[in-house]
């Protein structure tokens, strides 16, 4: 399976109806086995962190077995707006 930051970004944005998605390939040689993601979606509203992460993990169920390390930050649009004001 060919993974890239752009592929993951598009899939997360589409499947989670995300307002904003950032995906960074954190593999030292950029070989697409380690990623850090930020996802901003209204689907996270009213959900605790664990449920938010499960939504992301479900979205990427096919890809996660091929990823060595995966770090995620999940925010609602309101939380994202507040963070950007800092």
C-alpha atoms as a PDB file:
ATOM      1  CA  UNK A   1       0.000   0.000   0.000  1.00  0.00           C
ATOM      2  CA  UNK A   2       1.357   3.379  -1.083  1.00  0.00           C
ATOM      3  CA  UNK A   3       0.860   5.926   1.701  1.00  0.00           C
ATOM      4  CA  UNK A   4       1.520   9.636   1.617  1.00  0.00           C
ATOM      5  CA  UNK A   5       0.654  12.621   3.760  1.00  0.00           C
ATOM      6  CA  UNK A   6      -1.531  13.968   0.945  1.00  0.00           C
ATOM      7  CA  UNK A   7      -3.439  10.680   0.595  1.00  0.00           C
ATOM      8  CA  UNK A   8      -4.143  10.548   4.346  1.00  0.00           C
ATOM      9  CA  UNK A   9      -5.150  14.228   4.398  1.00  0.00           C
ATOM     10  CA  UNK A  10      -7.655  13.764   1.576  1.00  0.00           C
ATOM     11  CA  UNK A  11      -9.156  10.631   3.115  1.00  0.00           C
ATOM     12  CA  UNK A  12      -9.538  12.202   6.562  1.00  0.00           C
ATOM     13  CA  UNK A  13     -11.009  15.371   5.094  1.00  0.00           C
ATOM     14  CA  UNK A  14     -13.524  13.470   2.978  1.00  0.00           C
ATOM     15  CA  UNK A  15     -14.584  10.747   5.426  1.00  0.00           C
ATOM     16  CA  UNK A  16     -14.722  12.917   8.561  1.00  0.00           C
ATOM     17  CA  UNK A  17     -16.111  15.961   6.739  1.00  0.00           C
ATOM     18  CA  UNK A  18     -13.234  17.891   8.280  1.00  0.00           C
ATOM     19  CA  UNK A  19     -12.910  21.652   8.095  1.00  0.00           C
ATOM     20  CA  UNK A  20      -9.154  21.451   8.436  1.00  0.00           C
ATOM     21  CA  UNK A  21      -6.630  18.606   8.238  1.00  0.00           C
ATOM     22  CA  UNK A  22      -2.865  18.718   8.614  1.00  0.00           C
ATOM     23  CA  UNK A  23      -0.767  15.617   8.023  1.00  0.00           C
ATOM     24  CA  UNK A  24       2.979  15.582   8.560  1.00  0.00           C
ATOM     25  CA  UNK A  25       5.213  12.691   7.580  1.00  0.00           C
ATOM     26  CA  UNK A  26       7.459  12.455  10.648  1.00  0.00           C
ATOM     27  CA  UNK A  27       9.595   9.598   9.352  1.00  0.00           C
ATOM     28  CA  UNK A  28      13.247  10.746   9.357  1.00  0.00           C
ATOM     29  CA  UNK A  29      13.733   9.919   5.651  1.00  0.00           C
ATOM     30  CA  UNK A  30      10.081  10.691   4.735  1.00  0.00           C
ATOM     31  CA  UNK A  31       9.352   7.080   3.828  1.00  0.00           C
ATOM     32  CA  UNK A  32       5.710   7.391   4.920  1.00  0.00           C
ATOM     33  CA  UNK A  33       5.661   5.091   7.932  1.00  0.00           C
ATOM     34  CA  UNK A  34       5.202   7.685  10.682  1.00  0.00           C
ATOM     35  CA  UNK A  35       2.646  10.505  10.725  1.00  0.00           C
ATOM     36  CA  UNK A  36       1.352  13.328  12.901  1.00  0.00           C
ATOM     37  CA  UNK A  37      -2.177  14.542  12.118  1.00  0.00           C
ATOM     38  CA  UNK A  38      -4.460  17.363  13.186  1.00  0.00           C
ATOM     39  CA  UNK A  39      -8.131  16.951  12.305  1.00  0.00           C
ATOM     40  CA  UNK A  40     -10.808  19.610  12.882  1.00  0.00           C
ATOM     41  CA  UNK A  41     -14.352  18.310  12.436  1.00  0.00           C
ATOM     42  CA  UNK A  42     -17.865  18.965  13.699  1.00  0.00           C
ATOM     43  CA  UNK A  43     -18.150  15.163  14.031  1.00  0.00           C
ATOM     44  CA  UNK A  44     -16.019  15.497  17.205  1.00  0.00           C
ATOM     45  CA  UNK A  45     -18.494  17.790  18.973  1.00  0.00           C
ATOM     46  CA  UNK A  46     -19.766  16.305  22.231  1.00  0.00           C
ATOM     47  CA  UNK A  47     -17.378  13.350  22.007  1.00  0.00           C
ATOM     48  CA  UNK A  48     -14.584  12.571  24.470  1.00  0.00           C
ATOM     49  CA  UNK A  49     -11.023  12.207  23.199  1.00  0.00           C
ATOM     50  CA  UNK A  50     -11.135   8.417  22.985  1.00  0.00           C
ATOM     51  CA  UNK A  51     -14.228   8.455  20.761  1.00  0.00           C
ATOM     52  CA  UNK A  52     -12.652  11.112  18.534  1.00  0.00           C
ATOM     53  CA  UNK A  53      -9.532   8.998  18.117  1.00  0.00           C
ATOM     54  CA  UNK A  54     -11.656   5.951  17.360  1.00  0.00           C
ATOM     55  CA  UNK A  55     -13.362   7.882  14.544  1.00  0.00           C
ATOM     56  CA  UNK A  56      -9.959   8.675  13.040  1.00  0.00           C
ATOM     57  CA  UNK A  57      -8.721   5.112  13.536  1.00  0.00           C
ATOM     58  CA  UNK A  58     -11.865   3.710  11.895  1.00  0.00           C
ATOM     59  CA  UNK A  59     -11.414   6.071   8.953  1.00  0.00           C
ATOM     60  CA  UNK A  60      -7.836   4.840   8.496  1.00  0.00           C
ATOM     61  CA  UNK A  61      -8.453   1.177   9.372  1.00  0.00           C
ATOM     62  CA  UNK A  62      -6.877  -0.077   6.121  1.00  0.00           C
ATOM     63  CA  UNK A  63      -3.859   2.212   6.386  1.00  0.00           C
ATOM     64  CA  UNK A  64      -2.951   1.920  10.085  1.00  0.00           C
ATOM     65  CA  UNK A  65      -1.443  -1.600   9.846  1.00  0.00           C
ATOM     66  CA  UNK A  66       1.129  -0.117   7.425  1.00  0.00           C
ATOM     67  CA  UNK A  67       1.977   2.862   9.650  1.00  0.00           C
ATOM     68  CA  UNK A  68       4.698   2.460  12.264  1.00  0.00           C
ATOM     69  CA  UNK A  69       3.828   5.503  14.411  1.00  0.00           C
ATOM     70  CA  UNK A  70       0.689   7.633  14.396  1.00  0.00           C
ATOM     71  CA  UNK A  71       0.079  10.728  16.506  1.00  0.00           C
ATOM     72  CA  UNK A  72      -3.258  12.503  16.302  1.00  0.00           C
ATOM     73  CA  UNK A  73      -4.848  15.668  17.595  1.00  0.00           C
ATOM     74  CA  UNK A  74      -8.617  15.983  17.167  1.00  0.00           C
ATOM     75  CA  UNK A  75     -10.446  19.273  17.668  1.00  0.00           C
ATOM     76  CA  UNK A  76     -13.893  20.725  17.123  1.00  0.00           C
ATOM     77  CA  UNK A  77     -14.084  23.899  15.007  1.00  0.00           C
ATOM     78  CA  UNK A  78     -14.661  25.920  18.200  1.00  0.00           C
ATOM     79  CA  UNK A  79     -11.554  24.432  19.861  1.00  0.00           C
ATOM     80  CA  UNK A  80      -9.535  25.062  16.686  1.00  0.00           C
ATOM     81  CA  UNK A  81     -10.609  28.709  16.576  1.00  0.00           C
ATOM     82  CA  UNK A  82      -9.661  29.129  20.227  1.00  0.00           C
ATOM     83  CA  UNK A  83      -6.250  27.503  19.683  1.00  0.00           C
ATOM     84  CA  UNK A  84      -5.482  29.741  16.710  1.00  0.00           C
ATOM     85  CA  UNK A  85      -6.121  32.829  18.851  1.00  0.00           C
ATOM     86  CA  UNK A  86      -3.321  31.898  21.252  1.00  0.00           C
END
